mmCIF file of all heavy atoms, coordinates in Angstrom:
data_MODEL
# 
_entry.id   MODEL 
# 
loop_
_atom_site.group_PDB 
_atom_site.id 
_atom_site.type_symbol 
_atom_site.label_atom_id 
_atom_site.label_alt_id 
_atom_site.label_comp_id 
_atom_site.label_asym_id 
_atom_site.label_entity_id 
_atom_site.label_seq_id 
_atom_site.pdbx_PDB_ins_code 
_atom_site.Cartn_x 
_atom_site.Cartn_y 
_atom_site.Cartn_z 
_atom_site.occupancy 
_atom_site.B_iso_or_equiv 
_atom_site.pdbx_formal_charge 
_atom_site.auth_seq_id 
_atom_site.auth_comp_id 
_atom_site.auth_asym_id 
_atom_site.auth_atom_id 
_atom_site.pdbx_PDB_model_num 
ATOM 1   N N   . ARG A 1 1  ? 110.640 103.271 108.709 1.00 0.00 ? 1  ARG A N   1 
ATOM 2   C CA  . ARG A 1 1  ? 109.522 104.194 108.986 1.00 0.00 ? 1  ARG A CA  1 
ATOM 3   C C   . ARG A 1 1  ? 108.454 104.097 107.903 1.00 0.00 ? 1  ARG A C   1 
ATOM 4   O O   . ARG A 1 1  ? 107.259 104.103 108.190 1.00 0.00 ? 1  ARG A O   1 
ATOM 5   C CB  . ARG A 1 1  ? 110.047 105.626 109.089 1.00 0.00 ? 1  ARG A CB  1 
ATOM 6   C CG  . ARG A 1 1  ? 110.965 105.881 110.269 1.00 0.00 ? 1  ARG A CG  1 
ATOM 7   C CD  . ARG A 1 1  ? 111.379 107.340 110.347 1.00 0.00 ? 1  ARG A CD  1 
ATOM 8   N NE  . ARG A 1 1  ? 112.464 107.513 111.292 1.00 0.00 ? 1  ARG A NE  1 
ATOM 9   C CZ  . ARG A 1 1  ? 113.756 107.536 110.948 1.00 0.00 ? 1  ARG A CZ  1 
ATOM 10  N NH1 . ARG A 1 1  ? 114.105 107.420 109.664 1.00 0.00 ? 1  ARG A NH1 1 
ATOM 11  N NH2 . ARG A 1 1  ? 114.683 107.693 111.868 1.00 0.00 ? 1  ARG A NH2 1 
ATOM 12  N N   . PHE A 1 2  ? 108.898 104.033 106.657 1.00 0.00 ? 2  PHE A N   1 
ATOM 13  C CA  . PHE A 1 2  ? 107.960 103.963 105.543 1.00 0.00 ? 2  PHE A CA  1 
ATOM 14  C C   . PHE A 1 2  ? 107.153 102.669 105.602 1.00 0.00 ? 2  PHE A C   1 
ATOM 15  O O   . PHE A 1 2  ? 105.925 102.681 105.455 1.00 0.00 ? 2  PHE A O   1 
ATOM 16  C CB  . PHE A 1 2  ? 108.717 104.044 104.212 1.00 0.00 ? 2  PHE A CB  1 
ATOM 17  C CG  . PHE A 1 2  ? 107.832 103.909 103.007 1.00 0.00 ? 2  PHE A CG  1 
ATOM 18  C CD1 . PHE A 1 2  ? 107.110 105.003 102.539 1.00 0.00 ? 2  PHE A CD1 1 
ATOM 19  C CD2 . PHE A 1 2  ? 107.704 102.690 102.353 1.00 0.00 ? 2  PHE A CD2 1 
ATOM 20  C CE1 . PHE A 1 2  ? 106.275 104.880 101.433 1.00 0.00 ? 2  PHE A CE1 1 
ATOM 21  C CE2 . PHE A 1 2  ? 106.876 102.567 101.246 1.00 0.00 ? 2  PHE A CE2 1 
ATOM 22  C CZ  . PHE A 1 2  ? 106.160 103.666 100.791 1.00 0.00 ? 2  PHE A CZ  1 
ATOM 23  N N   . ALA A 1 3  ? 107.837 101.551 105.804 1.00 0.00 ? 3  ALA A N   1 
ATOM 24  C CA  . ALA A 1 3  ? 107.150 100.265 105.848 1.00 0.00 ? 3  ALA A CA  1 
ATOM 25  C C   . ALA A 1 3  ? 106.203 100.176 107.037 1.00 0.00 ? 3  ALA A C   1 
ATOM 26  O O   . ALA A 1 3  ? 105.145 99.552  106.948 1.00 0.00 ? 3  ALA A O   1 
ATOM 27  C CB  . ALA A 1 3  ? 108.174 99.132  105.907 1.00 0.00 ? 3  ALA A CB  1 
ATOM 28  N N   . ALA A 1 4  ? 106.567 100.826 108.146 1.00 0.00 ? 4  ALA A N   1 
ATOM 29  C CA  . ALA A 1 4  ? 105.676 100.841 109.309 1.00 0.00 ? 4  ALA A CA  1 
ATOM 30  C C   . ALA A 1 4  ? 104.414 101.639 109.017 1.00 0.00 ? 4  ALA A C   1 
ATOM 31  O O   . ALA A 1 4  ? 103.312 101.274 109.444 1.00 0.00 ? 4  ALA A O   1 
ATOM 32  C CB  . ALA A 1 4  ? 106.404 101.432 110.518 1.00 0.00 ? 4  ALA A CB  1 
ATOM 33  N N   . ALA A 1 5  ? 104.564 102.720 108.272 1.00 0.00 ? 5  ALA A N   1 
ATOM 34  C CA  . ALA A 1 5  ? 103.419 103.581 107.964 1.00 0.00 ? 5  ALA A CA  1 
ATOM 35  C C   . ALA A 1 5  ? 102.568 103.016 106.839 1.00 0.00 ? 5  ALA A C   1 
ATOM 36  O O   . ALA A 1 5  ? 101.332 103.049 106.905 1.00 0.00 ? 5  ALA A O   1 
ATOM 37  C CB  . ALA A 1 5  ? 103.905 104.984 107.594 1.00 0.00 ? 5  ALA A CB  1 
ATOM 38  N N   . ARG A 1 6  ? 103.205 102.500 105.806 1.00 0.00 ? 6  ARG A N   1 
ATOM 39  C CA  . ARG A 1 6  ? 102.494 102.036 104.615 1.00 0.00 ? 6  ARG A CA  1 
ATOM 40  C C   . ARG A 1 6  ? 102.288 100.527 104.570 1.00 0.00 ? 6  ARG A C   1 
ATOM 41  O O   . ARG A 1 6  ? 101.473 100.033 103.804 1.00 0.00 ? 6  ARG A O   1 
ATOM 42  C CB  . ARG A 1 6  ? 103.261 102.453 103.359 1.00 0.00 ? 6  ARG A CB  1 
ATOM 43  C CG  . ARG A 1 6  ? 103.068 103.879 102.920 1.00 0.00 ? 6  ARG A CG  1 
ATOM 44  C CD  . ARG A 1 6  ? 101.618 104.193 102.688 1.00 0.00 ? 6  ARG A CD  1 
ATOM 45  N NE  . ARG A 1 6  ? 101.428 105.327 101.785 1.00 0.00 ? 6  ARG A NE  1 
ATOM 46  C CZ  . ARG A 1 6  ? 100.241 105.849 101.536 1.00 0.00 ? 6  ARG A CZ  1 
ATOM 47  N NH1 . ARG A 1 6  ? 99.154  105.351 102.117 1.00 0.00 ? 6  ARG A NH1 1 
ATOM 48  N NH2 . ARG A 1 6  ? 100.117 106.870 100.711 1.00 0.00 ? 6  ARG A NH2 1 
ATOM 49  N N   . ARG A 1 7  ? 103.037 99.785  105.399 1.00 0.00 ? 7  ARG A N   1 
ATOM 50  C CA  . ARG A 1 7  ? 103.023 98.322  105.346 1.00 0.00 ? 7  ARG A CA  1 
ATOM 51  C C   . ARG A 1 7  ? 103.306 97.832  103.931 1.00 0.00 ? 7  ARG A C   1 
ATOM 52  O O   . ARG A 1 7  ? 102.691 96.885  103.433 1.00 0.00 ? 7  ARG A O   1 
ATOM 53  C CB  . ARG A 1 7  ? 101.680 97.789  105.843 1.00 0.00 ? 7  ARG A CB  1 
ATOM 54  C CG  . ARG A 1 7  ? 101.449 98.007  107.332 1.00 0.00 ? 7  ARG A CG  1 
ATOM 55  C CD  . ARG A 1 7  ? 102.436 97.200  108.165 1.00 0.00 ? 7  ARG A CD  1 
ATOM 56  N NE  . ARG A 1 7  ? 102.115 97.234  109.580 1.00 0.00 ? 7  ARG A NE  1 
ATOM 57  C CZ  . ARG A 1 7  ? 102.698 98.023  110.471 1.00 0.00 ? 7  ARG A CZ  1 
ATOM 58  N NH1 . ARG A 1 7  ? 103.645 98.861  110.076 1.00 0.00 ? 7  ARG A NH1 1 
ATOM 59  N NH2 . ARG A 1 7  ? 102.375 97.979  111.728 1.00 0.00 ? 7  ARG A NH2 1 
ATOM 60  N N   . ALA A 1 8  ? 104.215 98.532  103.277 1.00 0.00 ? 8  ALA A N   1 
ATOM 61  C CA  . ALA A 1 8  ? 104.637 98.166  101.926 1.00 0.00 ? 8  ALA A CA  1 
ATOM 62  C C   . ALA A 1 8  ? 106.092 98.553  101.771 1.00 0.00 ? 8  ALA A C   1 
ATOM 63  O O   . ALA A 1 8  ? 106.530 99.562  102.320 1.00 0.00 ? 8  ALA A O   1 
ATOM 64  C CB  . ALA A 1 8  ? 103.794 98.877  100.875 1.00 0.00 ? 8  ALA A CB  1 
ATOM 65  N N   . GLY A 1 9  ? 106.826 97.731  101.054 1.00 0.00 ? 9  GLY A N   1 
ATOM 66  C CA  . GLY A 1 9  ? 108.236 98.031  100.834 1.00 0.00 ? 9  GLY A CA  1 
ATOM 67  C C   . GLY A 1 9  ? 108.684 97.473  99.507  1.00 0.00 ? 9  GLY A C   1 
ATOM 68  O O   . GLY A 1 9  ? 107.920 97.463  98.540  1.00 0.00 ? 9  GLY A O   1 
ATOM 69  N N   . PHE A 1 10 ? 109.920 96.996  99.440  1.00 0.00 ? 10 PHE A N   1 
ATOM 70  C CA  . PHE A 1 10 ? 110.445 96.445  98.194  1.00 0.00 ? 10 PHE A CA  1 
ATOM 71  C C   . PHE A 1 10 ? 109.624 95.239  97.733  1.00 0.00 ? 10 PHE A C   1 
ATOM 72  O O   . PHE A 1 10 ? 109.574 94.930  96.545  1.00 0.00 ? 10 PHE A O   1 
ATOM 73  C CB  . PHE A 1 10 ? 111.906 96.039  98.384  1.00 0.00 ? 10 PHE A CB  1 
ATOM 74  C CG  . PHE A 1 10 ? 112.878 97.131  98.062  1.00 0.00 ? 10 PHE A CG  1 
ATOM 75  C CD1 . PHE A 1 10 ? 112.623 98.442  98.417  1.00 0.00 ? 10 PHE A CD1 1 
ATOM 76  C CD2 . PHE A 1 10 ? 114.063 96.855  97.394  1.00 0.00 ? 10 PHE A CD2 1 
ATOM 77  C CE1 . PHE A 1 10 ? 113.521 99.454  98.118  1.00 0.00 ? 10 PHE A CE1 1 
ATOM 78  C CE2 . PHE A 1 10 ? 114.971 97.863  97.094  1.00 0.00 ? 10 PHE A CE2 1 
ATOM 79  C CZ  . PHE A 1 10 ? 114.698 99.163  97.455  1.00 0.00 ? 10 PHE A CZ  1 
ATOM 80  N N   . ASP A 1 11 ? 108.984 94.532  98.677  1.00 0.00 ? 11 ASP A N   1 
ATOM 81  C CA  . ASP A 1 11 ? 108.183 93.371  98.317  1.00 0.00 ? 11 ASP A CA  1 
ATOM 82  C C   . ASP A 1 11 ? 107.003 93.746  97.436  1.00 0.00 ? 11 ASP A C   1 
ATOM 83  O O   . ASP A 1 11 ? 106.552 92.941  96.613  1.00 0.00 ? 11 ASP A O   1 
ATOM 84  C CB  . ASP A 1 11 ? 107.695 92.646  99.569  1.00 0.00 ? 11 ASP A CB  1 
ATOM 85  C CG  . ASP A 1 11 ? 106.955 93.555  100.532 1.00 0.00 ? 11 ASP A CG  1 
ATOM 86  O OD1 . ASP A 1 11 ? 107.237 94.768  100.557 1.00 0.00 ? 11 ASP A OD1 1 
ATOM 87  O OD2 . ASP A 1 11 ? 106.102 93.050  101.284 1.00 0.00 ? 11 ASP A OD2 1 
ATOM 88  N N   . VAL A 1 12 ? 106.496 94.965  97.584  1.00 0.00 ? 12 VAL A N   1 
ATOM 89  C CA  . VAL A 1 12 ? 105.405 95.461  96.747  1.00 0.00 ? 12 VAL A CA  1 
ATOM 90  C C   . VAL A 1 12 ? 105.959 96.183  95.522  1.00 0.00 ? 12 VAL A C   1 
ATOM 91  O O   . VAL A 1 12 ? 105.525 95.950  94.391  1.00 0.00 ? 12 VAL A O   1 
ATOM 92  C CB  . VAL A 1 12 ? 104.474 96.392  97.537  1.00 0.00 ? 12 VAL A CB  1 
ATOM 93  C CG1 . VAL A 1 12 ? 103.455 97.065  96.624  1.00 0.00 ? 12 VAL A CG1 1 
ATOM 94  C CG2 . VAL A 1 12 ? 103.763 95.613  98.642  1.00 0.00 ? 12 VAL A CG2 1 
ATOM 95  N N   . ILE A 1 13 ? 106.946 97.041  95.740  1.00 0.00 ? 13 ILE A N   1 
ATOM 96  C CA  . ILE A 1 13 ? 107.497 97.854  94.650  1.00 0.00 ? 13 ILE A CA  1 
ATOM 97  C C   . ILE A 1 13 ? 108.098 96.993  93.547  1.00 0.00 ? 13 ILE A C   1 
ATOM 98  O O   . ILE A 1 13 ? 107.921 97.263  92.361  1.00 0.00 ? 13 ILE A O   1 
ATOM 99  C CB  . ILE A 1 13 ? 108.555 98.835  95.205  1.00 0.00 ? 13 ILE A CB  1 
ATOM 100 C CG1 . ILE A 1 13 ? 107.888 99.827  96.161  1.00 0.00 ? 13 ILE A CG1 1 
ATOM 101 C CG2 . ILE A 1 13 ? 109.261 99.576  94.068  1.00 0.00 ? 13 ILE A CG2 1 
ATOM 102 C CD1 . ILE A 1 13 ? 108.870 100.663 96.972  1.00 0.00 ? 13 ILE A CD1 1 
ATOM 103 N N   . PHE A 1 14 ? 108.800 95.932  93.947  1.00 0.00 ? 14 PHE A N   1 
ATOM 104 C CA  . PHE A 1 14 ? 109.451 95.059  92.970  1.00 0.00 ? 14 PHE A CA  1 
ATOM 105 C C   . PHE A 1 14 ? 108.816 93.669  92.950  1.00 0.00 ? 14 PHE A C   1 
ATOM 106 O O   . PHE A 1 14 ? 109.503 92.672  92.711  1.00 0.00 ? 14 PHE A O   1 
ATOM 107 C CB  . PHE A 1 14 ? 110.945 94.957  93.274  1.00 0.00 ? 14 PHE A CB  1 
ATOM 108 C CG  . PHE A 1 14 ? 111.668 96.277  93.137  1.00 0.00 ? 14 PHE A CG  1 
ATOM 109 C CD1 . PHE A 1 14 ? 112.069 96.982  94.263  1.00 0.00 ? 14 PHE A CD1 1 
ATOM 110 C CD2 . PHE A 1 14 ? 111.933 96.818  91.895  1.00 0.00 ? 14 PHE A CD2 1 
ATOM 111 C CE1 . PHE A 1 14 ? 112.737 98.206  94.142  1.00 0.00 ? 14 PHE A CE1 1 
ATOM 112 C CE2 . PHE A 1 14 ? 112.599 98.035  91.762  1.00 0.00 ? 14 PHE A CE2 1 
ATOM 113 C CZ  . PHE A 1 14 ? 113.001 98.725  92.886  1.00 0.00 ? 14 PHE A CZ  1 
ATOM 114 N N   . ALA A 1 15 ? 107.508 93.619  93.177  1.00 0.00 ? 15 ALA A N   1 
ATOM 115 C CA  . ALA A 1 15 ? 106.802 92.336  93.214  1.00 0.00 ? 15 ALA A CA  1 
ATOM 116 C C   . ALA A 1 15 ? 106.973 91.572  91.902  1.00 0.00 ? 15 ALA A C   1 
ATOM 117 O O   . ALA A 1 15 ? 106.784 92.124  90.824  1.00 0.00 ? 15 ALA A O   1 
ATOM 118 C CB  . ALA A 1 15 ? 105.320 92.565  93.486  1.00 0.00 ? 15 ALA A CB  1 
ATOM 119 N N   . ARG A 1 16 ? 107.302 90.300  92.022  1.00 0.00 ? 16 ARG A N   1 
ATOM 120 C CA  . ARG A 1 16 ? 107.537 89.468  90.835  1.00 0.00 ? 16 ARG A CA  1 
ATOM 121 C C   . ARG A 1 16 ? 106.304 89.396  89.946  1.00 0.00 ? 16 ARG A C   1 
ATOM 122 O O   . ARG A 1 16 ? 106.406 89.404  88.715  1.00 0.00 ? 16 ARG A O   1 
ATOM 123 C CB  . ARG A 1 16 ? 107.957 88.071  91.268  1.00 0.00 ? 16 ARG A CB  1 
ATOM 124 C CG  . ARG A 1 16 ? 108.208 87.111  90.115  1.00 0.00 ? 16 ARG A CG  1 
ATOM 125 C CD  . ARG A 1 16 ? 108.674 85.750  90.607  1.00 0.00 ? 16 ARG A CD  1 
ATOM 126 N NE  . ARG A 1 16 ? 109.942 85.840  91.298  1.00 0.00 ? 16 ARG A NE  1 
ATOM 127 C CZ  . ARG A 1 16 ? 110.559 84.797  91.882  1.00 0.00 ? 16 ARG A CZ  1 
ATOM 128 N NH1 . ARG A 1 16 ? 109.985 83.603  91.836  1.00 0.00 ? 16 ARG A NH1 1 
ATOM 129 N NH2 . ARG A 1 16 ? 111.716 84.939  92.487  1.00 0.00 ? 16 ARG A NH2 1 
ATOM 130 N N   . GLU A 1 17 ? 105.128 89.333  90.546  1.00 0.00 ? 17 GLU A N   1 
ATOM 131 C CA  . GLU A 1 17 ? 103.909 89.156  89.747  1.00 0.00 ? 17 GLU A CA  1 
ATOM 132 C C   . GLU A 1 17 ? 103.575 90.375  88.901  1.00 0.00 ? 17 GLU A C   1 
ATOM 133 O O   . GLU A 1 17 ? 102.777 90.290  87.961  1.00 0.00 ? 17 GLU A O   1 
ATOM 134 C CB  . GLU A 1 17 ? 102.720 88.822  90.651  1.00 0.00 ? 17 GLU A CB  1 
ATOM 135 C CG  . GLU A 1 17 ? 102.283 89.941  91.581  1.00 0.00 ? 17 GLU A CG  1 
ATOM 136 C CD  . GLU A 1 17 ? 101.151 89.496  92.494  1.00 0.00 ? 17 GLU A CD  1 
ATOM 137 O OE1 . GLU A 1 17 ? 101.443 88.854  93.527  1.00 0.00 ? 17 GLU A OE1 1 
ATOM 138 O OE2 . GLU A 1 17 ? 99.998  89.788  92.165  1.00 0.00 ? 17 GLU A OE2 1 
ATOM 139 N N   . LEU A 1 18 ? 104.193 91.534  89.210  1.00 0.00 ? 18 LEU A N   1 
ATOM 140 C CA  . LEU A 1 18 ? 103.923 92.736  88.426  1.00 0.00 ? 18 LEU A CA  1 
ATOM 141 C C   . LEU A 1 18 ? 104.922 92.935  87.281  1.00 0.00 ? 18 LEU A C   1 
ATOM 142 O O   . LEU A 1 18 ? 104.700 93.787  86.417  1.00 0.00 ? 18 LEU A O   1 
ATOM 143 C CB  . LEU A 1 18 ? 103.948 93.967  89.343  1.00 0.00 ? 18 LEU A CB  1 
ATOM 144 C CG  . LEU A 1 18 ? 102.916 93.984  90.477  1.00 0.00 ? 18 LEU A CG  1 
ATOM 145 C CD1 . LEU A 1 18 ? 103.053 95.267  91.294  1.00 0.00 ? 18 LEU A CD1 1 
ATOM 146 C CD2 . LEU A 1 18 ? 101.501 93.849  89.931  1.00 0.00 ? 18 LEU A CD2 1 
ATOM 147 N N   . ARG A 1 19 ? 105.998 92.183  87.280  1.00 0.00 ? 19 ARG A N   1 
ATOM 148 C CA  . ARG A 1 19 ? 107.030 92.370  86.253  1.00 0.00 ? 19 ARG A CA  1 
ATOM 149 C C   . ARG A 1 19 ? 106.533 92.136  84.828  1.00 0.00 ? 19 ARG A C   1 
ATOM 150 O O   . ARG A 1 19 ? 106.906 92.883  83.915  1.00 0.00 ? 19 ARG A O   1 
ATOM 151 C CB  . ARG A 1 19 ? 108.227 91.454  86.547  1.00 0.00 ? 19 ARG A CB  1 
ATOM 152 C CG  . ARG A 1 19 ? 108.967 91.834  87.820  1.00 0.00 ? 19 ARG A CG  1 
ATOM 153 C CD  . ARG A 1 19 ? 110.062 90.827  88.139  1.00 0.00 ? 19 ARG A CD  1 
ATOM 154 N NE  . ARG A 1 19 ? 110.584 91.027  89.481  1.00 0.00 ? 19 ARG A NE  1 
ATOM 155 C CZ  . ARG A 1 19 ? 111.407 90.186  90.095  1.00 0.00 ? 19 ARG A CZ  1 
ATOM 156 N NH1 . ARG A 1 19 ? 111.809 89.095  89.469  1.00 0.00 ? 19 ARG A NH1 1 
ATOM 157 N NH2 . ARG A 1 19 ? 111.820 90.430  91.324  1.00 0.00 ? 19 ARG A NH2 1 
ATOM 158 N N   . PRO A 1 20 ? 105.678 91.116  84.594  1.00 0.00 ? 20 PRO A N   1 
ATOM 159 C CA  . PRO A 1 20 ? 105.223 90.898  83.205  1.00 0.00 ? 20 PRO A CA  1 
ATOM 160 C C   . PRO A 1 20 ? 104.410 92.062  82.634  1.00 0.00 ? 20 PRO A C   1 
ATOM 161 O O   . PRO A 1 20 ? 104.252 92.155  81.415  1.00 0.00 ? 20 PRO A O   1 
ATOM 162 C CB  . PRO A 1 20 ? 104.350 89.628  83.330  1.00 0.00 ? 20 PRO A CB  1 
ATOM 163 C CG  . PRO A 1 20 ? 104.859 88.934  84.546  1.00 0.00 ? 20 PRO A CG  1 
ATOM 164 C CD  . PRO A 1 20 ? 105.248 90.034  85.481  1.00 0.00 ? 20 PRO A CD  1 
ATOM 165 N N   . LEU A 1 21 ? 103.904 92.946  83.498  1.00 0.00 ? 21 LEU A N   1 
ATOM 166 C CA  . LEU A 1 21 ? 103.118 94.083  83.010  1.00 0.00 ? 21 LEU A CA  1 
ATOM 167 C C   . LEU A 1 21 ? 103.958 95.058  82.198  1.00 0.00 ? 21 LEU A C   1 
ATOM 168 O O   . LEU A 1 21 ? 103.451 95.760  81.333  1.00 0.00 ? 21 LEU A O   1 
ATOM 169 C CB  . LEU A 1 21 ? 102.495 94.848  84.188  1.00 0.00 ? 21 LEU A CB  1 
ATOM 170 C CG  . LEU A 1 21 ? 101.401 94.163  84.991  1.00 0.00 ? 21 LEU A CG  1 
ATOM 171 C CD1 . LEU A 1 21 ? 100.975 95.063  86.135  1.00 0.00 ? 21 LEU A CD1 1 
ATOM 172 C CD2 . LEU A 1 21 ? 100.214 93.831  84.108  1.00 0.00 ? 21 LEU A CD2 1 
ATOM 173 N N   . ARG A 1 22 ? 105.233 95.150  82.548  1.00 0.00 ? 22 ARG A N   1 
ATOM 174 C CA  . ARG A 1 22 ? 106.135 96.120  81.922  1.00 0.00 ? 22 ARG A CA  1 
ATOM 175 C C   . ARG A 1 22 ? 105.526 97.534  81.996  1.00 0.00 ? 22 ARG A C   1 
ATOM 176 O O   . ARG A 1 22 ? 105.520 98.282  81.014  1.00 0.00 ? 22 ARG A O   1 
ATOM 177 C CB  . ARG A 1 22 ? 106.431 95.734  80.473  1.00 0.00 ? 22 ARG A CB  1 
ATOM 178 C CG  . ARG A 1 22 ? 107.120 94.391  80.343  1.00 0.00 ? 22 ARG A CG  1 
ATOM 179 C CD  . ARG A 1 22 ? 107.540 94.099  78.927  1.00 0.00 ? 22 ARG A CD  1 
ATOM 180 N NE  . ARG A 1 22 ? 108.162 92.780  78.823  1.00 0.00 ? 22 ARG A NE  1 
ATOM 181 C CZ  . ARG A 1 22 ? 109.429 92.505  79.111  1.00 0.00 ? 22 ARG A CZ  1 
ATOM 182 N NH1 . ARG A 1 22 ? 110.206 93.486  79.533  1.00 0.00 ? 22 ARG A NH1 1 
ATOM 183 N NH2 . ARG A 1 22 ? 109.908 91.277  78.979  1.00 0.00 ? 22 ARG A NH2 1 
ATOM 184 N N   . ASP A 1 23 ? 105.001 97.846  83.184  1.00 0.00 ? 23 ASP A N   1 
ATOM 185 C CA  . ASP A 1 23 ? 104.378 99.151  83.408  1.00 0.00 ? 23 ASP A CA  1 
ATOM 186 C C   . ASP A 1 23 ? 105.470 100.229 83.438  1.00 0.00 ? 23 ASP A C   1 
ATOM 187 O O   . ASP A 1 23 ? 106.358 100.194 84.294  1.00 0.00 ? 23 ASP A O   1 
ATOM 188 C CB  . ASP A 1 23 ? 103.604 99.139  84.730  1.00 0.00 ? 23 ASP A CB  1 
ATOM 189 C CG  . ASP A 1 23 ? 102.816 100.397 84.966  1.00 0.00 ? 23 ASP A CG  1 
ATOM 190 O OD1 . ASP A 1 23 ? 103.411 101.371 85.498  1.00 0.00 ? 23 ASP A OD1 1 
ATOM 191 O OD2 . ASP A 1 23 ? 101.635 100.430 84.630  1.00 0.00 ? 23 ASP A OD2 1 
ATOM 192 N N   . GLU A 1 24 ? 105.408 101.192 82.521  1.00 0.00 ? 24 GLU A N   1 
ATOM 193 C CA  . GLU A 1 24 ? 106.484 102.163 82.382  1.00 0.00 ? 24 GLU A CA  1 
ATOM 194 C C   . GLU A 1 24 ? 106.586 103.090 83.587  1.00 0.00 ? 24 GLU A C   1 
ATOM 195 O O   . GLU A 1 24 ? 107.681 103.441 84.021  1.00 0.00 ? 24 GLU A O   1 
ATOM 196 C CB  . GLU A 1 24 ? 106.302 102.984 81.104  1.00 0.00 ? 24 GLU A CB  1 
ATOM 197 C CG  . GLU A 1 24 ? 107.450 103.943 80.822  1.00 0.00 ? 24 GLU A CG  1 
ATOM 198 C CD  . GLU A 1 24 ? 108.827 103.280 80.824  1.00 0.00 ? 24 GLU A CD  1 
ATOM 199 O OE1 . GLU A 1 24 ? 108.943 102.145 80.319  1.00 0.00 ? 24 GLU A OE1 1 
ATOM 200 O OE2 . GLU A 1 24 ? 109.781 103.890 81.350  1.00 0.00 ? 24 GLU A OE2 1 
ATOM 201 N N   . ALA A 1 25 ? 105.435 103.503 84.135  1.00 0.00 ? 25 ALA A N   1 
ATOM 202 C CA  . ALA A 1 25 ? 105.467 104.390 85.304  1.00 0.00 ? 25 ALA A CA  1 
ATOM 203 C C   . ALA A 1 25 ? 106.124 103.696 86.492  1.00 0.00 ? 25 ALA A C   1 
ATOM 204 O O   . ALA A 1 25 ? 106.938 104.293 87.209  1.00 0.00 ? 25 ALA A O   1 
ATOM 205 C CB  . ALA A 1 25 ? 104.054 104.846 85.665  1.00 0.00 ? 25 ALA A CB  1 
ATOM 206 N N   . LEU A 1 26 ? 105.782 102.434 86.700  1.00 0.00 ? 26 LEU A N   1 
ATOM 207 C CA  . LEU A 1 26 ? 106.384 101.671 87.791  1.00 0.00 ? 26 LEU A CA  1 
ATOM 208 C C   . LEU A 1 26 ? 107.868 101.456 87.543  1.00 0.00 ? 26 LEU A C   1 
ATOM 209 O O   . LEU A 1 26 ? 108.689 101.596 88.470  1.00 0.00 ? 26 LEU A O   1 
ATOM 210 C CB  . LEU A 1 26 ? 105.666 100.327 87.945  1.00 0.00 ? 26 LEU A CB  1 
ATOM 211 C CG  . LEU A 1 26 ? 106.246 99.364  88.989  1.00 0.00 ? 26 LEU A CG  1 
ATOM 212 C CD1 . LEU A 1 26 ? 106.345 100.019 90.353  1.00 0.00 ? 26 LEU A CD1 1 
ATOM 213 C CD2 . LEU A 1 26 ? 105.398 98.089  89.048  1.00 0.00 ? 26 LEU A CD2 1 
ATOM 214 N N   . ALA A 1 27 ? 108.232 101.120 86.308  1.00 0.00 ? 27 ALA A N   1 
ATOM 215 C CA  . ALA A 1 27 ? 109.644 100.908 85.985  1.00 0.00 ? 27 ALA A CA  1 
ATOM 216 C C   . ALA A 1 27 ? 110.449 102.174 86.223  1.00 0.00 ? 27 ALA A C   1 
ATOM 217 O O   . ALA A 1 27 ? 111.559 102.128 86.784  1.00 0.00 ? 27 ALA A O   1 
ATOM 218 C CB  . ALA A 1 27 ? 109.783 100.459 84.535  1.00 0.00 ? 27 ALA A CB  1 
ATOM 219 N N   . GLU A 1 28 ? 109.915 103.322 85.827  1.00 0.00 ? 28 GLU A N   1 
ATOM 220 C CA  . GLU A 1 28 ? 110.623 104.588 86.009  1.00 0.00 ? 28 GLU A CA  1 
ATOM 221 C C   . GLU A 1 28 ? 110.761 104.926 87.483  1.00 0.00 ? 28 GLU A C   1 
ATOM 222 O O   . GLU A 1 28 ? 111.822 105.387 87.931  1.00 0.00 ? 28 GLU A O   1 
ATOM 223 C CB  . GLU A 1 28 ? 109.882 105.710 85.275  1.00 0.00 ? 28 GLU A CB  1 
ATOM 224 C CG  . GLU A 1 28 ? 110.504 107.089 85.415  1.00 0.00 ? 28 GLU A CG  1 
ATOM 225 C CD  . GLU A 1 28 ? 111.917 107.171 84.845  1.00 0.00 ? 28 GLU A CD  1 
ATOM 226 O OE1 . GLU A 1 28 ? 112.281 106.312 84.014  1.00 0.00 ? 28 GLU A OE1 1 
ATOM 227 O OE2 . GLU A 1 28 ? 112.642 108.097 85.231  1.00 0.00 ? 28 GLU A OE2 1 
ATOM 228 N N   . ALA A 1 29 ? 109.711 104.698 88.268  1.00 0.00 ? 29 ALA A N   1 
ATOM 229 C CA  . ALA A 1 29 ? 109.781 104.963 89.709  1.00 0.00 ? 29 ALA A CA  1 
ATOM 230 C C   . ALA A 1 29 ? 110.808 104.062 90.377  1.00 0.00 ? 29 ALA A C   1 
ATOM 231 O O   . ALA A 1 29 ? 111.564 104.496 91.261  1.00 0.00 ? 29 ALA A O   1 
ATOM 232 C CB  . ALA A 1 29 ? 108.406 104.756 90.336  1.00 0.00 ? 29 ALA A CB  1 
ATOM 233 N N   . GLY A 1 30 ? 110.858 102.804 89.930  1.00 0.00 ? 30 GLY A N   1 
ATOM 234 C CA  . GLY A 1 30 ? 111.849 101.881 90.479  1.00 0.00 ? 30 GLY A CA  1 
ATOM 235 C C   . GLY A 1 30 ? 113.267 102.288 90.118  1.00 0.00 ? 30 GLY A C   1 
ATOM 236 O O   . GLY A 1 30 ? 114.186 102.191 90.946  1.00 0.00 ? 30 GLY A O   1 
# 
């Protein structure tokens, strides 16, 4: 349901290209 509504899922939340950022807010949400 979420992916149908947002067209985003684990592919966006855990995107490889965002890992080098070490964004703390994203890491905590994950």
